[in-house]
Amino acid sequence: MRKTNRVVLASTNRHKLEEFLVLFKKYPEIEIVPADEYIKNPEKLSLVETSDHYYDNAIAKARACNQGCHYPSLADDSGLEVDALQGKPGVRSHRYAITKNGQTQDQANNLKLLEELKNVPEGKRTARFICHLAMIIEGVLVHTVGTLEGRIAQNLNGQQGFGYDPLFIPNGYEKTLAELGADLKNKLSHRAKAVDALMEDIKRQDIVLAKP
């Protein structure tokens, strides 16, 4: 692969961009750049997420971004699946709850999840984060999946991270991702695993990232 190839991240989520920038630091041959610097109306990328499957949504976003900028494009669709809720919130994780009284979306989502699990005992609160990554490179699709197993805490804990991090306790730990901090999270996370698998596939297939 050539050195320092630009890959456009098909997202307008600032937290997600920051996380991917950190995750790709171990792969200096790739430079992750935000969609809003390379395509018009990047906020419309989310409109193609119409499927009930992570795989389809990730591919649709990557293709839409690639068509708009003609650079290699990377998209993810991720979610939290709770066993006691039959896999919910799943692909609807980001917009799981309706915000009210000045809540952020993350606050509303976490409070709704706690309410739905209020009568579920500790041993039945198992859950997992899932990330599907799709990269479009010169018409070639590379798709990988990463999973992080854990459980849902009884209360919100920690100030770091975003999304459901204050509620998610990874297997083997007693603290939430929001308590464990970014450095450890970025070694454990579903996105970290999906990124590592993606880079392995790119190298294994000897794919060249065009447009330096």
C-alpha atoms as a PDB file:
ATOM      1  CA  MET A   1       0.000   0.000   0.000  1.00  0.00           C
ATOM      2  CA  ARG A   2       1.089   3.573  -0.616  1.00  0.00           C
ATOM      3  CA  LYS A   3       1.979   5.877   2.257  1.00  0.00           C
ATOM      4  CA  THR A   4      -0.537   8.320   3.816  1.00  0.00           C
ATOM      5  CA  ASN A   5      -3.640   7.588   1.791  1.00  0.00           C
ATOM      6  CA  ARG A   6      -6.739   9.618   2.569  1.00  0.00           C
ATOM      7  CA  VAL A   7      -9.870   7.742   3.584  1.00  0.00           C
ATOM      8  CA  VAL A   8     -13.060   9.736   4.065  1.00  0.00           C
ATOM      9  CA  LEU A   9     -15.130   8.792   7.113  1.00  0.00           C
ATOM     10  CA  ALA A  10     -18.815   8.731   6.163  1.00  0.00           C
ATOM     11  CA  SER A  11     -20.075  10.346   9.344  1.00  0.00           C
ATOM     12  CA  THR A  12     -20.789  13.755  10.847  1.00  0.00           C
ATOM     13  CA  ASN A  13     -20.564  12.402  14.402  1.00  0.00           C
ATOM     14  CA  ARG A  14     -17.692  14.253  16.110  1.00  0.00           C
ATOM     15  CA  HIS A  15     -17.216  11.580  18.781  1.00  0.00           C
ATOM     16  CA  LYS A  16     -17.031   8.851  16.157  1.00  0.00           C
ATOM     17  CA  LEU A  17     -14.479  10.822  14.114  1.00  0.00           C
ATOM     18  CA  GLU A  18     -12.290  11.339  17.181  1.00  0.00           C
ATOM     19  CA  GLU A  19     -12.447   7.644  17.974  1.00  0.00           C
ATOM     20  CA  PHE A  20     -11.493   6.551  14.464  1.00  0.00           C
ATOM     21  CA  LEU A  21      -8.623   9.061  14.364  1.00  0.00           C
ATOM     22  CA  VAL A  22      -7.208   7.394  17.476  1.00  0.00           C
ATOM     23  CA  LEU A  23      -7.837   3.846  16.229  1.00  0.00           C
ATOM     24  CA  PHE A  24      -5.993   4.489  12.967  1.00  0.00           C
ATOM     25  CA  LYS A  25      -2.919   5.976  14.640  1.00  0.00           C
ATOM     26  CA  LYS A  26      -1.445   2.478  14.611  1.00  0.00           C
ATOM     27  CA  TYR A  27      -1.882   2.437  10.824  1.00  0.00           C
ATOM     28  CA  PRO A  28       0.050   5.532   9.655  1.00  0.00           C
ATOM     29  CA  GLU A  29      -0.395   4.564   5.997  1.00  0.00           C
ATOM     30  CA  ILE A  30      -3.991   5.796   6.306  1.00  0.00           C
ATOM     31  CA  GLU A  31      -5.171   9.339   6.985  1.00  0.00           C
ATOM     32  CA  ILE A  32      -8.786   9.484   8.169  1.00  0.00           C
ATOM     33  CA  VAL A  33     -10.522  12.698   7.070  1.00  0.00           C
ATOM     34  CA  PRO A  34     -14.051  13.971   7.856  1.00  0.00           C
ATOM     35  CA  ALA A  35     -16.833  13.774   5.301  1.00  0.00           C
ATOM     36  CA  ASP A  36     -17.786  17.441   5.650  1.00  0.00           C
ATOM     37  CA  GLU A  37     -14.472  18.466   4.084  1.00  0.00           C
ATOM     38  CA  TYR A  38     -14.936  16.301   0.990  1.00  0.00           C
ATOM     39  CA  ILE A  39     -18.599  15.976   0.105  1.00  0.00           C
ATOM     40  CA  LYS A  40     -21.601  18.276  -0.122  1.00  0.00           C
ATOM     41  CA  ASN A  41     -24.415  17.854   2.404  1.00  0.00           C
ATOM     42  CA  PRO A  42     -22.662  15.175   4.495  1.00  0.00           C
ATOM     43  CA  GLU A  43     -25.553  15.222   6.968  1.00  0.00           C
ATOM     44  CA  LYS A  44     -27.609  13.416   4.332  1.00  0.00           C
ATOM     45  CA  LEU A  45     -25.414  10.337   4.628  1.00  0.00           C
ATOM     46  CA  SER A  46     -27.566   9.156   7.517  1.00  0.00           C
ATOM     47  CA  LEU A  47     -30.625   9.141   5.245  1.00  0.00           C
ATOM     48  CA  VAL A  48     -29.385   5.985   3.514  1.00  0.00           C
ATOM     49  CA  GLU A  49     -29.533   4.031   6.801  1.00  0.00           C
ATOM     50  CA  THR A  50     -32.904   2.466   6.056  1.00  0.00           C
ATOM     51  CA  SER A  51     -32.153  -1.201   6.740  1.00  0.00           C
ATOM     52  CA  ASP A  52     -32.685  -3.292   9.864  1.00  0.00           C
ATOM     53  CA  HIS A  53     -29.202  -4.736   9.326  1.00  0.00           C
ATOM     54  CA  TYR A  54     -25.889  -3.094  10.272  1.00  0.00           C
ATOM     55  CA  TYR A  55     -24.213  -4.604   7.224  1.00  0.00           C
ATOM     56  CA  ASP A  56     -26.565  -2.954   4.739  1.00  0.00           C
ATOM     57  CA  ASN A  57     -26.428   0.444   6.430  1.00  0.00           C
ATOM     58  CA  ALA A  58     -22.626   0.514   6.610  1.00  0.00           C
ATOM     59  CA  ILE A  59     -22.292  -0.379   2.927  1.00  0.00           C
ATOM     60  CA  ALA A  60     -24.935   2.152   1.872  1.00  0.00           C
ATOM     61  CA  LYS A  61     -23.137   4.970   3.722  1.00  0.00           C
ATOM     62  CA  ALA A  62     -19.733   4.001   2.361  1.00  0.00           C
ATOM     63  CA  ARG A  63     -21.046   3.892  -1.211  1.00  0.00           C
ATOM     64  CA  ALA A  64     -22.885   7.217  -0.886  1.00  0.00           C
ATOM     65  CA  CYS A  65     -19.760   8.883   0.473  1.00  0.00           C
ATOM     66  CA  ASN A  66     -17.521   7.334  -2.174  1.00  0.00           C
ATOM     67  CA  GLN A  67     -19.819   8.495  -4.960  1.00  0.00           C
ATOM     68  CA  GLY A  68     -19.738  12.012  -3.550  1.00  0.00           C
ATOM     69  CA  CYS A  69     -15.978  12.382  -3.150  1.00  0.00           C
ATOM     70  CA  HIS A  70     -14.321   9.586  -5.213  1.00  0.00           C
ATOM     71  CA  TYR A  71     -11.905   8.881  -2.372  1.00  0.00           C
ATOM     72  CA  PRO A  72     -11.788   5.580  -0.500  1.00  0.00           C
ATOM     73  CA  SER A  73     -14.652   5.831   1.973  1.00  0.00           C
ATOM     74  CA  LEU A  74     -15.169   4.204   5.343  1.00  0.00           C
ATOM     75  CA  ALA A  75     -18.506   3.798   7.136  1.00  0.00           C
ATOM     76  CA  ASP A  76     -19.649   1.990  10.224  1.00  0.00           C
ATOM     77  CA  ASP A  77     -22.994   0.994  11.608  1.00  0.00           C
ATOM     78  CA  SER A  78     -22.855   0.059  15.245  1.00  0.00           C
ATOM     79  CA  GLY A  79     -25.275  -0.763  17.999  1.00  0.00           C
ATOM     80  CA  LEU A  80     -25.877  -2.123  21.463  1.00  0.00           C
ATOM     81  CA  GLU A  81     -27.755  -5.410  21.734  1.00  0.00           C
ATOM     82  CA  VAL A  82     -29.256  -6.342  25.108  1.00  0.00           C
ATOM     83  CA  ASP A  83     -30.292  -9.971  25.541  1.00  0.00           C
ATOM     84  CA  ALA A  84     -33.099  -9.244  28.001  1.00  0.00           C
ATOM     85  CA  LEU A  85     -34.622  -6.878  25.418  1.00  0.00           C
ATOM     86  CA  GLN A  86     -34.396  -9.407  22.572  1.00  0.00           C
ATOM     87  CA  GLY A  87     -31.487  -7.547  20.990  1.00  0.00           C
ATOM     88  CA  LYS A  88     -32.815  -4.005  21.327  1.00  0.00           C
ATOM     89  CA  PRO A  89     -31.887  -1.224  20.808  1.00  0.00           C
ATOM     90  CA  GLY A  90     -29.767  -2.745  18.006  1.00  0.00           C
ATOM     91  CA  VAL A  91     -29.637  -0.758  14.775  1.00  0.00           C
ATOM     92  CA  ARG A  92     -31.857   1.878  16.431  1.00  0.00           C
ATOM     93  CA  SER A  93     -29.305   2.488  19.194  1.00  0.00           C
ATOM     94  CA  HIS A  94     -28.497   6.073  18.243  1.00  0.00           C
ATOM     95  CA  ARG A  95     -32.136   7.243  18.198  1.00  0.00           C
ATOM     96  CA  TYR A  96     -33.507   4.798  20.751  1.00  0.00           C
ATOM     97  CA  ALA A  97     -35.365   7.346  22.886  1.00  0.00           C
ATOM     98  CA  ILE A  98     -37.227  10.601  22.358  1.00  0.00           C
ATOM     99  CA  THR A  99     -35.446  13.525  24.001  1.00  0.00           C
ATOM    100  CA  LYS A 100     -37.320  15.810  26.383  1.00  0.00           C
ATOM    101  CA  ASN A 101     -36.681  18.561  28.941  1.00  0.00           C
ATOM    102  CA  GLY A 102     -33.367  19.596  27.402  1.00  0.00           C
ATOM    103  CA  GLN A 103     -31.880  16.090  27.410  1.00  0.00           C
ATOM    104  CA  THR A 104     -29.145  15.127  24.998  1.00  0.00           C
ATOM    105  CA  GLN A 105     -29.803  12.096  22.828  1.00  0.00           C
ATOM    106  CA  ASP A 106     -27.280  10.070  24.844  1.00  0.00           C
ATOM    107  CA  GLN A 107     -28.974  10.966  28.133  1.00  0.00           C
ATOM    108  CA  ALA A 108     -32.403  10.041  26.815  1.00  0.00           C
ATOM    109  CA  ASN A 109     -31.139   6.721  25.427  1.00  0.00           C
ATOM    110  CA  ASN A 110     -29.416   5.718  28.648  1.00  0.00           C
ATOM    111  CA  LEU A 111     -32.376   6.613  30.855  1.00  0.00           C
ATOM    112  CA  LYS A 112     -34.758   4.662  28.633  1.00  0.00           C
ATOM    113  CA  LEU A 113     -32.464   1.636  28.727  1.00  0.00           C
ATOM    114  CA  LEU A 114     -32.245   1.761  32.533  1.00  0.00           C
ATOM    115  CA  GLU A 115     -36.017   2.026  32.792  1.00  0.00           C
ATOM    116  CA  GLU A 116     -36.564  -0.967  30.527  1.00  0.00           C
ATOM    117  CA  LEU A 117     -34.095  -3.033  32.571  1.00  0.00           C
ATOM    118  CA  LYS A 118     -35.189  -1.875  36.038  1.00  0.00           C
ATOM    119  CA  ASN A 119     -36.581  -5.279  37.001  1.00  0.00           C
ATOM    120  CA  VAL A 120     -33.881  -7.341  35.283  1.00  0.00           C
ATOM    121  CA  PRO A 121     -31.406  -8.936  37.745  1.00  0.00           C
ATOM    122  CA  GLU A 122     -27.633  -8.663  37.446  1.00  0.00           C
ATOM    123  CA  GLY A 123     -27.135 -12.061  35.841  1.00  0.00           C
ATOM    124  CA  LYS A 124     -29.649 -11.345  33.077  1.00  0.00           C
ATOM    125  CA  ARG A 125     -28.226  -8.007  31.915  1.00  0.00           C
ATOM    126  CA  THR A 126     -25.823  -9.401  29.317  1.00  0.00           C
ATOM    127  CA  ALA A 127     -25.234  -7.304  26.219  1.00  0.00           C
ATOM    128  CA  ARG A 128     -22.795  -6.580  23.427  1.00  0.00           C
ATOM    129  CA  PHE A 129     -21.610  -3.770  21.228  1.00  0.00           C
ATOM    130  CA  ILE A 130     -21.418  -4.658  17.526  1.00  0.00           C
ATOM    131  CA  CYS A 131     -19.647  -2.700  14.784  1.00  0.00           C
ATOM    132  CA  HIS A 132     -19.893  -3.383  11.057  1.00  0.00           C
ATOM    133  CA  LEU A 133     -17.272  -1.555   8.991  1.00  0.00           C
ATOM    134  CA  ALA A 134     -17.457  -1.098   5.239  1.00  0.00           C
ATOM    135  CA  MET A 135     -14.768   0.467   3.082  1.00  0.00           C
ATOM    136  CA  ILE A 136     -15.165   1.161  -0.618  1.00  0.00           C
ATOM    137  CA  ILE A 137     -11.852   1.358  -2.487  1.00  0.00           C
ATOM    138  CA  GLU A 138     -11.897   1.791  -6.269  1.00  0.00           C
ATOM    139  CA  GLY A 139     -15.135  -0.189  -6.445  1.00  0.00           C
ATOM    140  CA  VAL A 140     -13.879  -2.909  -4.083  1.00  0.00           C
ATOM    141  CA  LEU A 141     -15.814  -3.532  -0.870  1.00  0.00           C
ATOM    142  CA  VAL A 142     -14.067  -4.611   2.329  1.00  0.00           C
ATOM    143  CA  HIS A 143     -16.402  -5.516   5.196  1.00  0.00           C
ATOM    144  CA  THR A 144     -15.518  -6.548   8.756  1.00  0.00           C
ATOM    145  CA  VAL A 145     -17.244  -6.980  12.114  1.00  0.00           C
ATOM    146  CA  GLY A 146     -16.124  -6.334  15.679  1.00  0.00           C
ATOM    147  CA  THR A 147     -17.914  -7.326  18.902  1.00  0.00           C
ATOM    148  CA  LEU A 148     -17.445  -6.426  22.566  1.00  0.00           C
ATOM    149  CA  GLU A 149     -19.297  -8.580  25.112  1.00  0.00           C
ATOM    150  CA  GLY A 150     -20.381  -7.308  28.501  1.00  0.00           C
ATOM    151  CA  ARG A 151     -23.339  -6.367  30.665  1.00  0.00           C
ATOM    152  CA  ILE A 152     -25.470  -3.353  31.505  1.00  0.00           C
ATOM    153  CA  ALA A 153     -24.819  -1.648  34.848  1.00  0.00           C
ATOM    154  CA  GLN A 154     -27.585  -0.815  37.332  1.00  0.00           C
ATOM    155  CA  ASN A 155     -26.675   2.881  37.256  1.00  0.00           C
ATOM    156  CA  LEU A 156     -24.830   5.409  35.102  1.00  0.00           C
ATOM    157  CA  ASN A 157     -21.152   5.567  36.042  1.00  0.00           C
ATOM    158  CA  GLY A 158     -18.212   7.535  34.610  1.00  0.00           C
ATOM    159  CA  GLN A 159     -17.738  10.766  32.715  1.00  0.00           C
ATOM    160  CA  GLN A 160     -15.637   9.627  29.767  1.00  0.00           C
ATOM    161  CA  GLY A 161     -16.800   8.254  26.439  1.00  0.00           C
ATOM    162  CA  PHE A 162     -20.168   8.748  24.786  1.00  0.00           C
ATOM    163  CA  GLY A 163     -23.330   6.873  23.906  1.00  0.00           C
ATOM    164  CA  TYR A 164     -23.958   3.916  26.207  1.00  0.00           C
ATOM    165  CA  ASP A 165     -20.418   3.926  27.656  1.00  0.00           C
ATOM    166  CA  PRO A 166     -21.609   4.953  31.176  1.00  0.00           C
ATOM    167  CA  LEU A 167     -23.761   1.804  31.323  1.00  0.00           C
ATOM    168  CA  PHE A 168     -21.650  -0.833  29.582  1.00  0.00           C
ATOM    169  CA  ILE A 169     -19.316  -3.025  31.639  1.00  0.00           C
ATOM    170  CA  PRO A 170     -17.016  -5.166  29.444  1.00  0.00           C
ATOM    171  CA  ASN A 171     -16.502  -8.800  30.374  1.00  0.00           C
ATOM    172  CA  GLY A 172     -13.540  -9.163  32.717  1.00  0.00           C
ATOM    173  CA  TYR A 173     -14.020  -5.700  34.248  1.00  0.00           C
ATOM    174  CA  GLU A 174     -16.086  -4.194  37.050  1.00  0.00           C
ATOM    175  CA  LYS A 175     -16.208  -0.636  35.712  1.00  0.00           C
ATOM    176  CA  THR A 176     -18.074   0.885  32.775  1.00  0.00           C
ATOM    177  CA  LEU A 177     -16.303   2.022  29.625  1.00  0.00           C
ATOM    178  CA  ALA A 178     -16.919   5.604  30.758  1.00  0.00           C
ATOM    179  CA  GLU A 179     -14.938   4.841  33.926  1.00  0.00           C
ATOM    180  CA  LEU A 180     -12.189   2.801  32.265  1.00  0.00           C
ATOM    181  CA  GLY A 181     -11.260   5.683  29.950  1.00  0.00           C
ATOM    182  CA  ALA A 182     -10.464   6.151  26.288  1.00  0.00           C
ATOM    183  CA  ASP A 183      -7.050   4.456  26.224  1.00  0.00           C
ATOM    184  CA  LEU A 184      -8.380   1.124  27.466  1.00  0.00           C
ATOM    185  CA  LYS A 185     -11.649   1.435  25.561  1.00  0.00           C
ATOM    186  CA  ASN A 186      -9.783   1.870  22.285  1.00  0.00           C
ATOM    187  CA  LYS A 187      -7.974  -1.405  22.896  1.00  0.00           C
ATOM    188  CA  LEU A 188     -11.127  -3.343  23.808  1.00  0.00           C
ATOM    189  CA  SER A 189     -13.852  -1.820  21.713  1.00  0.00           C
ATOM    190  CA  HIS A 190     -15.964  -3.308  18.952  1.00  0.00           C
ATOM    191  CA  ARG A 191     -14.690  -0.568  16.618  1.00  0.00           C
ATOM    192  CA  ALA A 192     -11.064  -1.329  17.471  1.00  0.00           C
ATOM    193  CA  LYS A 193     -11.605  -4.995  16.626  1.00  0.00           C
ATOM    194  CA  ALA A 194     -13.378  -4.131  13.374  1.00  0.00           C
ATOM    195  CA  VAL A 195     -10.593  -1.717  12.353  1.00  0.00           C
ATOM    196  CA  ASP A 196      -7.883  -4.311  13.021  1.00  0.00           C
ATOM    197  CA  ALA A 197      -9.813  -6.895  10.994  1.00  0.00           C
ATOM    198  CA  LEU A 198     -10.287  -4.361   8.182  1.00  0.00           C
ATOM    199  CA  MET A 199      -6.575  -3.641   7.936  1.00  0.00           C
ATOM    200  CA  GLU A 200      -5.769  -7.351   7.981  1.00  0.00           C
ATOM    201  CA  ASP A 201      -8.160  -7.887   5.062  1.00  0.00           C
ATOM    202  CA  ILE A 202      -6.697  -4.967   3.100  1.00  0.00           C
ATOM    203  CA  LYS A 203      -3.169  -6.314   3.540  1.00  0.00           C
ATOM    204  CA  ARG A 204      -4.179  -9.909   2.873  1.00  0.00           C
ATOM    205  CA  GLN A 205      -5.879  -8.934  -0.383  1.00  0.00           C
ATOM    206  CA  ASP A 206      -2.997  -6.601  -1.312  1.00  0.00           C
ATOM    207  CA  ILE A 207      -5.443  -3.755  -1.948  1.00  0.00           C
ATOM    208  CA  VAL A 208      -3.898  -0.423  -2.906  1.00  0.00           C
ATOM    209  CA  LEU A 209      -5.600   2.667  -1.510  1.00  0.00           C
ATOM    210  CA  ALA A 210      -5.701   4.991  -4.506  1.00  0.00           C
ATOM    211  CA  LYS A 211      -5.373   8.819  -4.478  1.00  0.00           C
ATOM    212  CA  PRO A 212      -2.517   9.734  -2.123  1.00  0.00           C
END
